[in-house]
Amino acid sequence: MVLVILGVLLLDQVLKFYIKLNHPISSYLSPSIIDWGFFRVLFVENPGMALGTRVSDIIPIGDEDTAKLILTFFRIIVITGIGLWLFFRVIQKQSRLLKWSVALIFAGALGNLIDSVFYGVVFSHSYGQVAEFLPQQGYAPLFLGHVVDFIQFPLVTWVWPQWVPFLGGESYTFFQYVFNIADTAISTGVLMILVFGKRITRVNNPPMTTEIQDES
């Protein structure tokens, strides 16, 4: 499990550093870094939660920086809880699949947390320029960094029929969301838990034996 966590973290951070130090943020009209049609590599930064959702979209907080701090500290609490749970379950004889899935979730969450906590300090901004590593002044204070996303699978695009409420005539791309290796690890871990269900949560305890003593 340690190798799984370290492997996900290393791959996630190496690719994010490469993107940050070699490409500016992809603008609407700029070409993708890699474009194979169904697979694209482009550079976007996500200041909020999954799929670009901001905390202020869910909780009515006027100050976006305050909302970002709440999100970051919430992530720290959740990751600490997952880490402690994983540590104590390693000691116990829990299902190997369960430990792997939780390790993937933990590694992914930690990878995105690193972006949120440190990237604003260790990088300059990437708008219209390639970011500088360890600048005199970063693009955001500690705990207010943005998560780097760069993978997209726009599998198919269609236009909604005119009779569809609110969406009629609009173009839609599936899957248009941009994500990263950490997101992939989290999704894989969650999917493993959903697919394997009770099997993955079973404790691998040896069967109990009952000794029957004859009474004389």
N, C-alpha and C. Protein backbone atom coordinates (compact mmCIF):
# COMPACT_ATOMS: atom_id res chain seq x y z
N MET A 1 0.81 -1.21 0.00
CA MET A 1 0.00 0.00 0.00
C MET A 1 0.85 1.26 0.00
N VAL A 2 1.96 1.22 0.70
CA VAL A 2 2.85 2.37 0.71
C VAL A 2 3.36 2.66 -0.69
N LEU A 3 3.68 1.60 -1.44
CA LEU A 3 4.15 1.78 -2.81
C LEU A 3 3.05 2.36 -3.70
N VAL A 4 1.80 1.93 -3.47
CA VAL A 4 0.67 2.48 -4.22
C VAL A 4 0.54 3.97 -3.96
N ILE A 5 0.58 4.36 -2.70
CA ILE A 5 0.44 5.78 -2.32
C ILE A 5 1.58 6.60 -2.90
N LEU A 6 2.81 6.12 -2.73
CA LEU A 6 3.97 6.86 -3.23
C LEU A 6 3.96 6.93 -4.76
N GLY A 7 3.55 5.83 -5.41
CA GLY A 7 3.51 5.81 -6.86
C GLY A 7 2.51 6.81 -7.42
N VAL A 8 1.31 6.86 -6.84
CA VAL A 8 0.29 7.81 -7.29
C VAL A 8 0.77 9.24 -7.05
N LEU A 9 1.30 9.51 -5.86
CA LEU A 9 1.77 10.86 -5.54
C LEU A 9 2.89 11.30 -6.48
N LEU A 10 3.84 10.40 -6.73
CA LEU A 10 4.98 10.76 -7.58
C LEU A 10 4.52 11.05 -9.00
N LEU A 11 3.71 10.16 -9.58
CA LEU A 11 3.23 10.36 -10.94
C LEU A 11 2.39 11.63 -11.04
N ASP A 12 1.51 11.84 -10.09
CA ASP A 12 0.64 13.01 -10.08
C ASP A 12 1.45 14.30 -10.03
N GLN A 13 2.38 14.37 -9.10
CA GLN A 13 3.13 15.61 -8.90
C GLN A 13 4.15 15.86 -10.02
N VAL A 14 4.77 14.81 -10.53
CA VAL A 14 5.72 14.99 -11.63
C VAL A 14 5.02 15.55 -12.86
N LEU A 15 3.84 15.01 -13.20
CA LEU A 15 3.11 15.50 -14.36
C LEU A 15 2.61 16.92 -14.14
N LYS A 16 2.17 17.23 -12.94
CA LYS A 16 1.71 18.59 -12.65
C LYS A 16 2.86 19.59 -12.74
N PHE A 17 4.01 19.22 -12.20
CA PHE A 17 5.18 20.10 -12.30
C PHE A 17 5.57 20.31 -13.76
N TYR A 18 5.52 19.24 -14.54
CA TYR A 18 5.88 19.36 -15.95
C TYR A 18 4.93 20.33 -16.66
N ILE A 19 3.64 20.17 -16.42
CA ILE A 19 2.65 21.05 -17.06
C ILE A 19 2.88 22.50 -16.62
N LYS A 20 3.05 22.72 -15.32
CA LYS A 20 3.20 24.08 -14.80
C LYS A 20 4.46 24.75 -15.34
N LEU A 21 5.54 23.99 -15.47
CA LEU A 21 6.81 24.59 -15.83
C LEU A 21 7.07 24.61 -17.33
N ASN A 22 6.11 24.14 -18.13
CA ASN A 22 6.32 24.11 -19.58
C ASN A 22 5.19 24.71 -20.39
N HIS A 23 4.04 25.00 -19.76
CA HIS A 23 2.90 25.48 -20.53
C HIS A 23 2.12 26.54 -19.74
N PRO A 24 1.60 27.54 -20.43
CA PRO A 24 0.67 28.46 -19.79
C PRO A 24 -0.71 27.82 -19.71
N ILE A 25 -1.60 28.42 -18.94
CA ILE A 25 -2.97 27.93 -18.87
C ILE A 25 -3.61 27.99 -20.25
N SER A 26 -4.28 26.93 -20.63
CA SER A 26 -4.91 26.86 -21.95
C SER A 26 -6.09 27.83 -22.02
N SER A 27 -6.05 28.72 -22.99
CA SER A 27 -7.16 29.65 -23.19
C SER A 27 -8.21 29.00 -24.08
N TYR A 28 -9.34 29.65 -24.22
CA TYR A 28 -10.47 29.08 -24.95
C TYR A 28 -10.12 28.81 -26.42
N LEU A 29 -9.34 29.69 -27.03
CA LEU A 29 -9.03 29.56 -28.45
C LEU A 29 -7.68 28.91 -28.72
N SER A 30 -6.88 28.67 -27.67
CA SER A 30 -5.55 28.10 -27.88
C SER A 30 -5.66 26.59 -28.13
N PRO A 31 -4.74 26.03 -28.93
CA PRO A 31 -4.77 24.58 -29.18
C PRO A 31 -4.38 23.80 -27.93
N SER A 32 -4.85 22.56 -27.85
CA SER A 32 -4.49 21.69 -26.73
C SER A 32 -3.02 21.31 -26.82
N ILE A 33 -2.43 20.96 -25.70
CA ILE A 33 -1.04 20.49 -25.69
C ILE A 33 -0.91 19.22 -26.51
N ILE A 34 -1.86 18.30 -26.31
CA ILE A 34 -1.99 17.09 -27.12
C ILE A 34 -3.46 16.97 -27.50
N ASP A 35 -3.74 16.70 -28.75
CA ASP A 35 -5.13 16.57 -29.19
C ASP A 35 -5.25 15.38 -30.13
N TRP A 36 -5.78 14.27 -29.60
CA TRP A 36 -6.04 13.07 -30.39
C TRP A 36 -7.53 12.88 -30.64
N GLY A 37 -8.29 13.95 -30.50
CA GLY A 37 -9.72 13.86 -30.69
C GLY A 37 -10.43 13.40 -29.44
N PHE A 38 -10.39 12.09 -29.17
CA PHE A 38 -11.05 11.53 -27.99
C PHE A 38 -10.22 11.73 -26.72
N PHE A 39 -8.94 12.12 -26.87
CA PHE A 39 -8.05 12.32 -25.72
C PHE A 39 -7.29 13.61 -25.91
N ARG A 40 -7.31 14.46 -24.89
CA ARG A 40 -6.61 15.73 -24.96
C ARG A 40 -5.83 15.99 -23.67
N VAL A 41 -4.73 16.69 -23.83
CA VAL A 41 -3.98 17.21 -22.70
C VAL A 41 -4.00 18.72 -22.81
N LEU A 42 -4.54 19.38 -21.80
CA LEU A 42 -4.57 20.83 -21.75
C LEU A 42 -4.39 21.24 -20.30
N PHE A 43 -4.14 22.49 -20.06
CA PHE A 43 -3.79 22.97 -18.73
C PHE A 43 -4.86 23.92 -18.22
N VAL A 44 -5.55 23.49 -17.17
CA VAL A 44 -6.48 24.37 -16.47
C VAL A 44 -6.19 24.29 -14.98
N GLU A 45 -6.62 25.31 -14.25
CA GLU A 45 -6.46 25.31 -12.80
C GLU A 45 -7.83 25.39 -12.15
N ASN A 46 -8.03 24.55 -11.15
CA ASN A 46 -9.31 24.45 -10.47
C ASN A 46 -9.18 25.00 -9.05
N PRO A 47 -9.81 26.14 -8.75
CA PRO A 47 -9.72 26.71 -7.40
C PRO A 47 -10.69 26.09 -6.42
N GLY A 48 -11.57 25.20 -6.90
CA GLY A 48 -12.62 24.68 -6.04
C GLY A 48 -12.55 23.19 -5.84
N MET A 49 -13.71 22.55 -5.94
CA MET A 49 -13.82 21.12 -5.68
C MET A 49 -13.84 20.36 -7.00
N ALA A 50 -14.36 19.12 -6.94
CA ALA A 50 -14.41 18.29 -8.12
C ALA A 50 -15.28 18.93 -9.19
N LEU A 51 -14.86 18.76 -10.46
CA LEU A 51 -15.58 19.26 -11.62
C LEU A 51 -15.73 20.77 -11.61
N GLY A 52 -14.81 21.45 -10.91
CA GLY A 52 -14.80 22.91 -10.91
C GLY A 52 -15.80 23.55 -9.97
N THR A 53 -16.50 22.75 -9.16
CA THR A 53 -17.47 23.31 -8.23
C THR A 53 -16.77 24.09 -7.12
N ARG A 54 -17.27 25.28 -6.82
CA ARG A 54 -16.71 26.09 -5.75
C ARG A 54 -17.52 25.89 -4.47
N VAL A 55 -16.85 26.07 -3.32
CA VAL A 55 -17.54 25.96 -2.05
C VAL A 55 -18.67 26.97 -1.97
N SER A 56 -18.43 28.16 -2.50
CA SER A 56 -19.44 29.22 -2.44
C SER A 56 -20.67 28.89 -3.28
N ASP A 57 -20.54 27.89 -4.22
CA ASP A 57 -21.70 27.45 -4.97
C ASP A 57 -22.66 26.64 -4.11
N ILE A 58 -22.12 26.04 -3.04
CA ILE A 58 -22.92 25.18 -2.16
C ILE A 58 -23.26 25.89 -0.86
N ILE A 59 -22.26 26.56 -0.28
CA ILE A 59 -22.46 27.30 0.97
C ILE A 59 -22.38 28.78 0.65
N PRO A 60 -23.40 29.56 1.00
CA PRO A 60 -23.41 31.00 0.64
C PRO A 60 -22.39 31.81 1.43
N ILE A 61 -21.13 31.76 0.97
CA ILE A 61 -20.05 32.52 1.60
C ILE A 61 -19.59 33.57 0.60
N GLY A 62 -19.67 34.85 0.99
CA GLY A 62 -19.36 35.93 0.06
C GLY A 62 -17.91 35.98 -0.35
N ASP A 63 -16.98 35.72 0.58
CA ASP A 63 -15.55 35.83 0.32
C ASP A 63 -15.04 34.50 -0.24
N GLU A 64 -14.56 34.52 -1.49
CA GLU A 64 -14.10 33.29 -2.13
C GLU A 64 -12.86 32.74 -1.43
N ASP A 65 -11.97 33.60 -0.92
CA ASP A 65 -10.79 33.12 -0.22
C ASP A 65 -11.17 32.38 1.05
N THR A 66 -12.18 32.88 1.78
CA THR A 66 -12.66 32.19 2.99
C THR A 66 -13.22 30.83 2.62
N ALA A 67 -13.98 30.78 1.53
CA ALA A 67 -14.53 29.50 1.07
C ALA A 67 -13.42 28.53 0.72
N LYS A 68 -12.36 29.03 0.07
CA LYS A 68 -11.23 28.19 -0.31
C LYS A 68 -10.51 27.66 0.93
N LEU A 69 -10.35 28.51 1.95
CA LEU A 69 -9.71 28.05 3.19
C LEU A 69 -10.53 26.96 3.86
N ILE A 70 -11.84 27.14 3.89
CA ILE A 70 -12.72 26.13 4.47
C ILE A 70 -12.55 24.81 3.74
N LEU A 71 -12.53 24.86 2.41
CA LEU A 71 -12.35 23.65 1.61
C LEU A 71 -11.02 22.98 1.91
N THR A 72 -9.94 23.76 1.97
CA THR A 72 -8.62 23.19 2.20
C THR A 72 -8.51 22.55 3.57
N PHE A 73 -9.01 23.22 4.60
CA PHE A 73 -8.95 22.64 5.95
C PHE A 73 -9.86 21.42 6.07
N PHE A 74 -10.98 21.44 5.35
CA PHE A 74 -11.84 20.26 5.33
C PHE A 74 -11.10 19.09 4.71
N ARG A 75 -10.36 19.35 3.63
CA ARG A 75 -9.58 18.30 2.99
C ARG A 75 -8.52 17.74 3.95
N ILE A 76 -7.89 18.64 4.72
CA ILE A 76 -6.86 18.20 5.66
C ILE A 76 -7.48 17.27 6.72
N ILE A 77 -8.65 17.63 7.23
CA ILE A 77 -9.31 16.82 8.25
C ILE A 77 -9.69 15.45 7.67
N VAL A 78 -10.26 15.46 6.47
CA VAL A 78 -10.68 14.20 5.84
C VAL A 78 -9.47 13.31 5.56
N ILE A 79 -8.41 13.89 5.01
CA ILE A 79 -7.22 13.09 4.68
C ILE A 79 -6.57 12.54 5.95
N THR A 80 -6.55 13.33 7.01
CA THR A 80 -6.01 12.84 8.28
C THR A 80 -6.82 11.66 8.79
N GLY A 81 -8.15 11.78 8.70
CA GLY A 81 -9.01 10.68 9.13
C GLY A 81 -8.80 9.43 8.30
N ILE A 82 -8.69 9.59 6.97
CA ILE A 82 -8.46 8.44 6.11
C ILE A 82 -7.10 7.80 6.41
N GLY A 83 -6.09 8.65 6.62
CA GLY A 83 -4.76 8.13 6.92
C GLY A 83 -4.73 7.33 8.21
N LEU A 84 -5.39 7.83 9.26
CA LEU A 84 -5.44 7.11 10.53
C LEU A 84 -6.22 5.81 10.37
N TRP A 85 -7.35 5.87 9.67
CA TRP A 85 -8.14 4.67 9.44
C TRP A 85 -7.32 3.62 8.71
N LEU A 86 -6.60 4.06 7.66
CA LEU A 86 -5.80 3.14 6.87
C LEU A 86 -4.69 2.53 7.71
N PHE A 87 -4.05 3.34 8.56
CA PHE A 87 -2.96 2.84 9.40
C PHE A 87 -3.44 1.74 10.34
N PHE A 88 -4.57 1.98 11.01
CA PHE A 88 -5.05 0.99 11.97
C PHE A 88 -5.64 -0.23 11.28
N ARG A 89 -6.16 -0.09 10.08
CA ARG A 89 -6.68 -1.24 9.36
C ARG A 89 -5.57 -2.10 8.80
N VAL A 90 -4.40 -1.50 8.57
CA VAL A 90 -3.25 -2.30 8.15
C VAL A 90 -2.85 -3.25 9.26
N ILE A 91 -2.93 -2.76 10.50
CA ILE A 91 -2.59 -3.61 11.64
C ILE A 91 -3.58 -4.77 11.74
N GLN A 92 -4.87 -4.46 11.51
CA GLN A 92 -5.87 -5.51 11.52
C GLN A 92 -5.87 -6.26 10.19
N LYS A 93 -6.57 -7.37 10.15
CA LYS A 93 -6.59 -8.19 8.94
C LYS A 93 -7.80 -7.83 8.08
N GLN A 94 -7.78 -6.63 7.52
CA GLN A 94 -8.84 -6.20 6.64
C GLN A 94 -8.61 -6.72 5.22
N SER A 95 -9.66 -6.69 4.42
CA SER A 95 -9.58 -7.11 3.03
C SER A 95 -8.49 -6.33 2.30
N ARG A 96 -7.69 -7.05 1.52
CA ARG A 96 -6.63 -6.38 0.75
C ARG A 96 -7.21 -5.41 -0.26
N LEU A 97 -8.32 -5.77 -0.88
CA LEU A 97 -8.97 -4.87 -1.83
C LEU A 97 -9.41 -3.58 -1.16
N LEU A 98 -9.92 -3.69 0.06
CA LEU A 98 -10.35 -2.50 0.79
C LEU A 98 -9.17 -1.59 1.08
N LYS A 99 -8.07 -2.18 1.51
CA LYS A 99 -6.89 -1.37 1.82
C LYS A 99 -6.33 -0.71 0.57
N TRP A 100 -6.35 -1.42 -0.54
CA TRP A 100 -5.87 -0.82 -1.80
C TRP A 100 -6.77 0.32 -2.24
N SER A 101 -8.07 0.11 -2.14
CA SER A 101 -9.00 1.15 -2.59
C SER A 101 -8.86 2.40 -1.73
N VAL A 102 -8.77 2.22 -0.41
CA VAL A 102 -8.63 3.37 0.48
C VAL A 102 -7.26 4.04 0.27
N ALA A 103 -6.23 3.24 -0.02
CA ALA A 103 -4.91 3.82 -0.31
C ALA A 103 -4.96 4.70 -1.55
N LEU A 104 -5.70 4.28 -2.58
CA LEU A 104 -5.85 5.09 -3.79
C LEU A 104 -6.58 6.39 -3.48
N ILE A 105 -7.66 6.29 -2.71
CA ILE A 105 -8.41 7.50 -2.33
C ILE A 105 -7.53 8.45 -1.52
N PHE A 106 -6.79 7.89 -0.58
CA PHE A 106 -5.90 8.70 0.26
C PHE A 106 -4.82 9.39 -0.57
N ALA A 107 -4.19 8.64 -1.47
CA ALA A 107 -3.11 9.21 -2.31
C ALA A 107 -3.65 10.30 -3.21
N GLY A 108 -4.82 10.06 -3.81
CA GLY A 108 -5.40 11.07 -4.69
C GLY A 108 -5.78 12.34 -3.94
N ALA A 109 -6.41 12.16 -2.80
CA ALA A 109 -6.80 13.33 -2.00
C ALA A 109 -5.57 14.10 -1.54
N LEU A 110 -4.52 13.39 -1.15
CA LEU A 110 -3.29 14.04 -0.71
C LEU A 110 -2.61 14.77 -1.87
N GLY A 111 -2.66 14.18 -3.06
CA GLY A 111 -2.07 14.84 -4.23
C GLY A 111 -2.71 16.17 -4.52
N ASN A 112 -4.04 16.24 -4.49
CA ASN A 112 -4.74 17.50 -4.73
C ASN A 112 -4.57 18.47 -3.57
N LEU A 113 -4.43 17.94 -2.35
CA LEU A 113 -4.21 18.81 -1.20
C LEU A 113 -2.87 19.53 -1.31
N ILE A 114 -1.85 18.85 -1.82
CA ILE A 114 -0.53 19.47 -2.01
C ILE A 114 -0.67 20.69 -2.91
N ASP A 115 -1.44 20.56 -3.99
CA ASP A 115 -1.67 21.70 -4.88
C ASP A 115 -2.30 22.86 -4.12
N SER A 116 -3.37 22.55 -3.38
CA SER A 116 -4.12 23.60 -2.69
C SER A 116 -3.28 24.31 -1.64
N VAL A 117 -2.44 23.57 -0.94
CA VAL A 117 -1.68 24.15 0.17
C VAL A 117 -0.45 24.90 -0.33
N PHE A 118 0.31 24.29 -1.25
CA PHE A 118 1.64 24.80 -1.55
C PHE A 118 1.81 25.49 -2.92
N TYR A 119 1.01 25.14 -3.92
CA TYR A 119 1.30 25.61 -5.27
C TYR A 119 1.21 27.13 -5.40
N GLY A 120 0.33 27.77 -4.64
CA GLY A 120 0.24 29.21 -4.72
C GLY A 120 1.50 29.91 -4.26
N VAL A 121 2.28 29.23 -3.40
CA VAL A 121 3.51 29.81 -2.85
C VAL A 121 4.73 29.47 -3.72
N VAL A 122 4.78 28.24 -4.23
CA VAL A 122 6.00 27.79 -4.92
C VAL A 122 5.98 28.08 -6.42
N PHE A 123 4.83 28.53 -6.97
CA PHE A 123 4.75 28.85 -8.39
C PHE A 123 4.24 30.28 -8.58
N SER A 124 4.69 30.91 -9.66
CA SER A 124 4.05 32.15 -10.11
C SER A 124 2.84 31.78 -10.95
N HIS A 125 2.04 32.75 -11.33
CA HIS A 125 0.81 32.45 -12.07
C HIS A 125 1.14 31.96 -13.48
N SER A 126 0.16 31.30 -14.09
CA SER A 126 0.36 30.69 -15.41
C SER A 126 -0.51 31.31 -16.48
N TYR A 127 -1.12 32.45 -16.23
CA TYR A 127 -1.98 33.10 -17.21
C TYR A 127 -1.13 33.86 -18.24
N GLY A 128 -1.12 33.36 -19.46
CA GLY A 128 -0.37 34.00 -20.53
C GLY A 128 1.13 33.83 -20.42
N GLN A 129 1.59 32.97 -19.53
CA GLN A 129 3.03 32.74 -19.37
C GLN A 129 3.26 31.37 -18.73
N VAL A 130 4.49 30.89 -18.86
CA VAL A 130 4.89 29.67 -18.17
C VAL A 130 5.27 30.02 -16.75
N ALA A 131 4.78 29.28 -15.79
CA ALA A 131 5.03 29.58 -14.38
C ALA A 131 6.50 29.44 -14.02
N GLU A 132 6.91 30.21 -13.05
CA GLU A 132 8.26 30.14 -12.50
C GLU A 132 8.21 29.39 -11.18
N PHE A 133 9.18 28.51 -10.96
CA PHE A 133 9.25 27.75 -9.71
C PHE A 133 10.03 28.55 -8.66
N LEU A 134 9.50 28.61 -7.46
CA LEU A 134 10.07 29.36 -6.33
C LEU A 134 10.32 30.83 -6.71
N PRO A 135 9.28 31.54 -7.12
CA PRO A 135 9.44 32.97 -7.44
C PRO A 135 9.56 33.79 -6.17
N GLN A 136 9.88 35.05 -6.31
CA GLN A 136 9.92 35.93 -5.14
C GLN A 136 8.54 36.06 -4.50
N GLN A 137 7.52 36.02 -5.31
CA GLN A 137 6.16 36.05 -4.80
C GLN A 137 5.29 35.12 -5.63
N GLY A 138 4.63 34.19 -4.97
CA GLY A 138 3.77 33.25 -5.66
C GLY A 138 2.45 33.88 -6.07
N TYR A 139 1.62 33.09 -6.73
CA TYR A 139 0.35 33.64 -7.23
C TYR A 139 -0.75 33.66 -6.17
N ALA A 140 -0.51 32.98 -5.02
CA ALA A 140 -1.54 32.97 -3.96
C ALA A 140 -0.87 32.64 -2.63
N PRO A 141 -1.49 33.05 -1.51
CA PRO A 141 -0.95 32.71 -0.19
C PRO A 141 -1.03 31.21 0.09
N LEU A 142 -0.36 30.78 1.16
CA LEU A 142 -0.42 29.39 1.60
C LEU A 142 -1.88 28.99 1.84
N PHE A 143 -2.23 27.78 1.45
CA PHE A 143 -3.58 27.20 1.58
C PHE A 143 -4.57 27.71 0.53
N LEU A 144 -4.15 28.60 -0.37
CA LEU A 144 -5.07 29.16 -1.36
C LEU A 144 -4.65 28.85 -2.79
N GLY A 145 -3.85 27.80 -2.97
CA GLY A 145 -3.42 27.41 -4.30
C GLY A 145 -4.53 26.73 -5.09
N HIS A 146 -4.30 26.55 -6.39
CA HIS A 146 -5.27 25.92 -7.28
C HIS A 146 -4.79 24.54 -7.69
N VAL A 147 -5.72 23.62 -7.87
CA VAL A 147 -5.40 22.27 -8.30
C VAL A 147 -5.15 22.27 -9.81
N VAL A 148 -4.08 21.62 -10.24
CA VAL A 148 -3.72 21.54 -11.66
C VAL A 148 -4.45 20.35 -12.29
N ASP A 149 -5.24 20.62 -13.33
CA ASP A 149 -5.92 19.58 -14.10
C ASP A 149 -5.42 19.63 -15.55
N PHE A 150 -5.34 18.45 -16.20
CA PHE A 150 -4.75 18.47 -17.54
C PHE A 150 -5.23 17.34 -18.45
N ILE A 151 -6.05 16.43 -18.00
CA ILE A 151 -6.49 15.29 -18.82
C ILE A 151 -7.96 15.46 -19.19
N GLN A 152 -8.28 15.22 -20.43
CA GLN A 152 -9.67 15.30 -20.88
C GLN A 152 -9.96 14.20 -21.89
N PHE A 153 -11.15 13.59 -21.77
CA PHE A 153 -11.61 12.59 -22.72
C PHE A 153 -12.94 13.04 -23.33
N PRO A 154 -12.91 13.95 -24.30
CA PRO A 154 -14.15 14.38 -24.95
C PRO A 154 -14.63 13.32 -25.94
N LEU A 155 -15.31 12.30 -25.43
CA LEU A 155 -15.60 11.11 -26.22
C LEU A 155 -16.56 11.37 -27.37
N VAL A 156 -17.59 12.17 -27.13
CA VAL A 156 -18.57 12.41 -28.18
C VAL A 156 -19.25 13.76 -27.94
N THR A 157 -19.59 14.44 -29.02
CA THR A 157 -20.27 15.74 -28.93
C THR A 157 -21.58 15.67 -29.71
N TRP A 158 -22.64 16.24 -29.13
CA TRP A 158 -23.92 16.28 -29.83
C TRP A 158 -24.63 17.59 -29.53
N VAL A 159 -25.69 17.85 -30.29
CA VAL A 159 -26.52 19.04 -30.09
C VAL A 159 -27.87 18.56 -29.56
N TRP A 160 -28.29 19.12 -28.44
CA TRP A 160 -29.57 18.72 -27.85
C TRP A 160 -30.72 19.12 -28.77
N PRO A 161 -31.73 18.25 -28.91
CA PRO A 161 -32.91 18.62 -29.70
C PRO A 161 -33.60 19.86 -29.15
N GLN A 162 -34.27 20.58 -30.02
CA GLN A 162 -34.90 21.84 -29.61
C GLN A 162 -35.95 21.64 -28.54
N TRP A 163 -36.58 20.45 -28.48
CA TRP A 163 -37.65 20.24 -27.51
C TRP A 163 -37.14 20.00 -26.08
N VAL A 164 -35.82 19.80 -25.89
CA VAL A 164 -35.28 19.57 -24.55
C VAL A 164 -35.30 20.89 -23.77
N PRO A 165 -35.97 20.93 -22.61
CA PRO A 165 -36.05 22.19 -21.83
C PRO A 165 -34.66 22.70 -21.44
N PHE A 166 -34.47 23.99 -21.56
CA PHE A 166 -33.26 24.72 -21.15
C PHE A 166 -32.02 24.37 -21.98
N LEU A 167 -31.95 23.18 -22.58
CA LEU A 167 -30.75 22.75 -23.29
C LEU A 167 -30.94 22.67 -24.80
N GLY A 168 -32.16 22.84 -25.27
CA GLY A 168 -32.44 22.68 -26.69
C GLY A 168 -31.57 23.55 -27.58
N GLY A 169 -30.93 22.92 -28.57
CA GLY A 169 -30.06 23.62 -29.49
C GLY A 169 -28.65 23.82 -29.01
N GLU A 170 -28.39 23.48 -27.73
CA GLU A 170 -27.04 23.67 -27.17
C GLU A 170 -26.14 22.47 -27.49
N SER A 171 -24.87 22.74 -27.72
CA SER A 171 -23.90 21.67 -27.96
C SER A 171 -23.40 21.13 -26.62
N TYR A 172 -23.21 19.82 -26.54
CA TYR A 172 -22.73 19.20 -25.30
C TYR A 172 -21.66 18.17 -25.64
N THR A 173 -20.61 18.16 -24.86
CA THR A 173 -19.52 17.20 -25.04
C THR A 173 -19.44 16.27 -23.85
N PHE A 174 -19.42 14.97 -24.10
CA PHE A 174 -19.23 13.95 -23.06
C PHE A 174 -17.92 13.22 -23.35
N PHE A 175 -16.99 13.19 -22.50
CA PHE A 175 -16.85 13.68 -21.15
C PHE A 175 -16.00 14.94 -21.23
N GLN A 176 -16.52 16.11 -20.91
CA GLN A 176 -15.82 17.36 -21.14
C GLN A 176 -14.98 17.82 -19.95
N TYR A 177 -15.14 17.17 -18.81
CA TYR A 177 -14.43 17.63 -17.61
C TYR A 177 -12.94 17.33 -17.70
N VAL A 178 -12.14 18.23 -17.14
CA VAL A 178 -10.68 18.09 -17.13
C VAL A 178 -10.28 17.64 -15.72
N PHE A 179 -9.40 16.63 -15.64
CA PHE A 179 -9.04 16.06 -14.35
C PHE A 179 -7.55 15.76 -14.32
N ASN A 180 -7.09 15.07 -13.28
CA ASN A 180 -5.68 14.76 -13.14
C ASN A 180 -5.50 13.33 -12.61
N ILE A 181 -4.26 12.94 -12.37
CA ILE A 181 -3.97 11.58 -11.89
C ILE A 181 -4.56 11.36 -10.50
N ALA A 182 -4.51 12.37 -9.64
CA ALA A 182 -5.07 12.25 -8.30
C ALA A 182 -6.57 11.98 -8.37
N ASP A 183 -7.28 12.70 -9.23
CA ASP A 183 -8.71 12.47 -9.41
C ASP A 183 -8.98 11.04 -9.88
N THR A 184 -8.13 10.55 -10.79
CA THR A 184 -8.28 9.19 -11.30
C THR A 184 -8.12 8.17 -10.19
N ALA A 185 -7.14 8.39 -9.30
CA ALA A 185 -6.92 7.47 -8.18
C ALA A 185 -8.12 7.46 -7.25
N ILE A 186 -8.67 8.64 -6.94
CA ILE A 186 -9.84 8.71 -6.07
C ILE A 186 -11.01 7.98 -6.70
N SER A 187 -11.27 8.23 -7.97
CA SER A 187 -12.39 7.60 -8.67
C SER A 187 -12.22 6.09 -8.72
N THR A 188 -10.99 5.62 -8.95
CA THR A 188 -10.73 4.19 -9.00
C THR A 188 -10.98 3.53 -7.65
N GLY A 189 -10.51 4.18 -6.59
CA GLY A 189 -10.74 3.64 -5.25
C GLY A 189 -12.20 3.56 -4.89
N VAL A 190 -12.95 4.60 -5.20
CA VAL A 190 -14.40 4.61 -4.92
C VAL A 190 -15.10 3.55 -5.75
N LEU A 191 -14.71 3.43 -7.03
CA LEU A 191 -15.32 2.43 -7.91
C LEU A 191 -15.07 1.01 -7.41
N MET A 192 -13.87 0.75 -6.90
CA MET A 192 -13.56 -0.57 -6.35
C MET A 192 -14.49 -0.90 -5.19
N ILE A 193 -14.73 0.07 -4.32
CA ILE A 193 -15.61 -0.16 -3.17
C ILE A 193 -17.04 -0.42 -3.64
N LEU A 194 -17.50 0.33 -4.64
CA LEU A 194 -18.87 0.16 -5.13
C LEU A 194 -19.05 -1.17 -5.86
N VAL A 195 -18.05 -1.56 -6.64
CA VAL A 195 -18.18 -2.77 -7.44
C VAL A 195 -18.11 -4.03 -6.58
N PHE A 196 -17.16 -4.07 -5.66
CA PHE A 196 -16.96 -5.28 -4.89
C PHE A 196 -17.84 -5.37 -3.64
N GLY A 197 -18.43 -4.23 -3.23
CA GLY A 197 -19.43 -4.23 -2.17
C GLY A 197 -18.98 -4.90 -0.88
N LYS A 198 -19.80 -5.85 -0.43
CA LYS A 198 -19.55 -6.50 0.87
C LYS A 198 -18.24 -7.29 0.86
N ARG A 199 -17.88 -7.79 -0.31
CA ARG A 199 -16.64 -8.57 -0.38
C ARG A 199 -15.44 -7.76 0.04
N ILE A 200 -15.41 -6.48 -0.34
CA ILE A 200 -14.25 -5.64 -0.08
C ILE A 200 -14.18 -5.18 1.37
N THR A 201 -15.31 -5.22 2.06
CA THR A 201 -15.33 -4.79 3.46
C THR A 201 -15.25 -5.95 4.44
N ARG A 202 -15.08 -7.16 3.92
CA ARG A 202 -15.02 -8.33 4.79
C ARG A 202 -13.69 -8.39 5.51
N VAL A 203 -13.72 -8.65 6.78
CA VAL A 203 -12.50 -8.81 7.57
C VAL A 203 -11.99 -10.22 7.40
N ASN A 204 -10.70 -10.34 7.12
CA ASN A 204 -10.12 -11.66 6.88
C ASN A 204 -9.68 -12.31 8.18
N ASN A 205 -10.64 -12.62 9.02
CA ASN A 205 -10.34 -13.32 10.26
C ASN A 205 -10.43 -14.81 10.03
N PRO A 206 -9.60 -15.58 10.69
CA PRO A 206 -9.68 -17.03 10.53
C PRO A 206 -10.99 -17.54 11.10
N PRO A 207 -11.55 -18.60 10.53
CA PRO A 207 -12.81 -19.14 11.03
C PRO A 207 -12.69 -19.61 12.46
N MET A 208 -13.75 -19.38 13.23
CA MET A 208 -13.77 -19.77 14.62
C MET A 208 -14.07 -21.28 14.72
N THR A 209 -13.42 -21.92 15.63
CA THR A 209 -13.65 -23.35 15.84
C THR A 209 -14.30 -23.55 17.19
N THR A 210 -15.16 -24.48 17.26
CA THR A 210 -15.87 -24.76 18.51
C THR A 210 -15.44 -26.13 19.00
N GLU A 211 -14.96 -26.15 20.16
CA GLU A 211 -14.55 -27.42 20.74
C GLU A 211 -15.69 -27.97 21.58
N ILE A 212 -16.06 -29.17 21.30
CA ILE A 212 -17.12 -29.81 22.03
C ILE A 212 -16.51 -30.83 22.96
N GLN A 213 -16.77 -30.62 24.19
CA GLN A 213 -16.23 -31.52 25.19
C GLN A 213 -17.35 -32.43 25.69
N ASP A 214 -17.06 -33.68 25.69
CA ASP A 214 -18.04 -34.64 26.21
C ASP A 214 -18.06 -34.59 27.73
N GLU A 215 -19.23 -34.52 28.23
CA GLU A 215 -19.37 -34.54 29.69
C GLU A 215 -19.62 -35.95 30.13
N SER A 216 -18.92 -36.35 31.11
CA SER A 216 -19.10 -37.71 31.61
C SER A 216 -19.66 -37.66 33.02
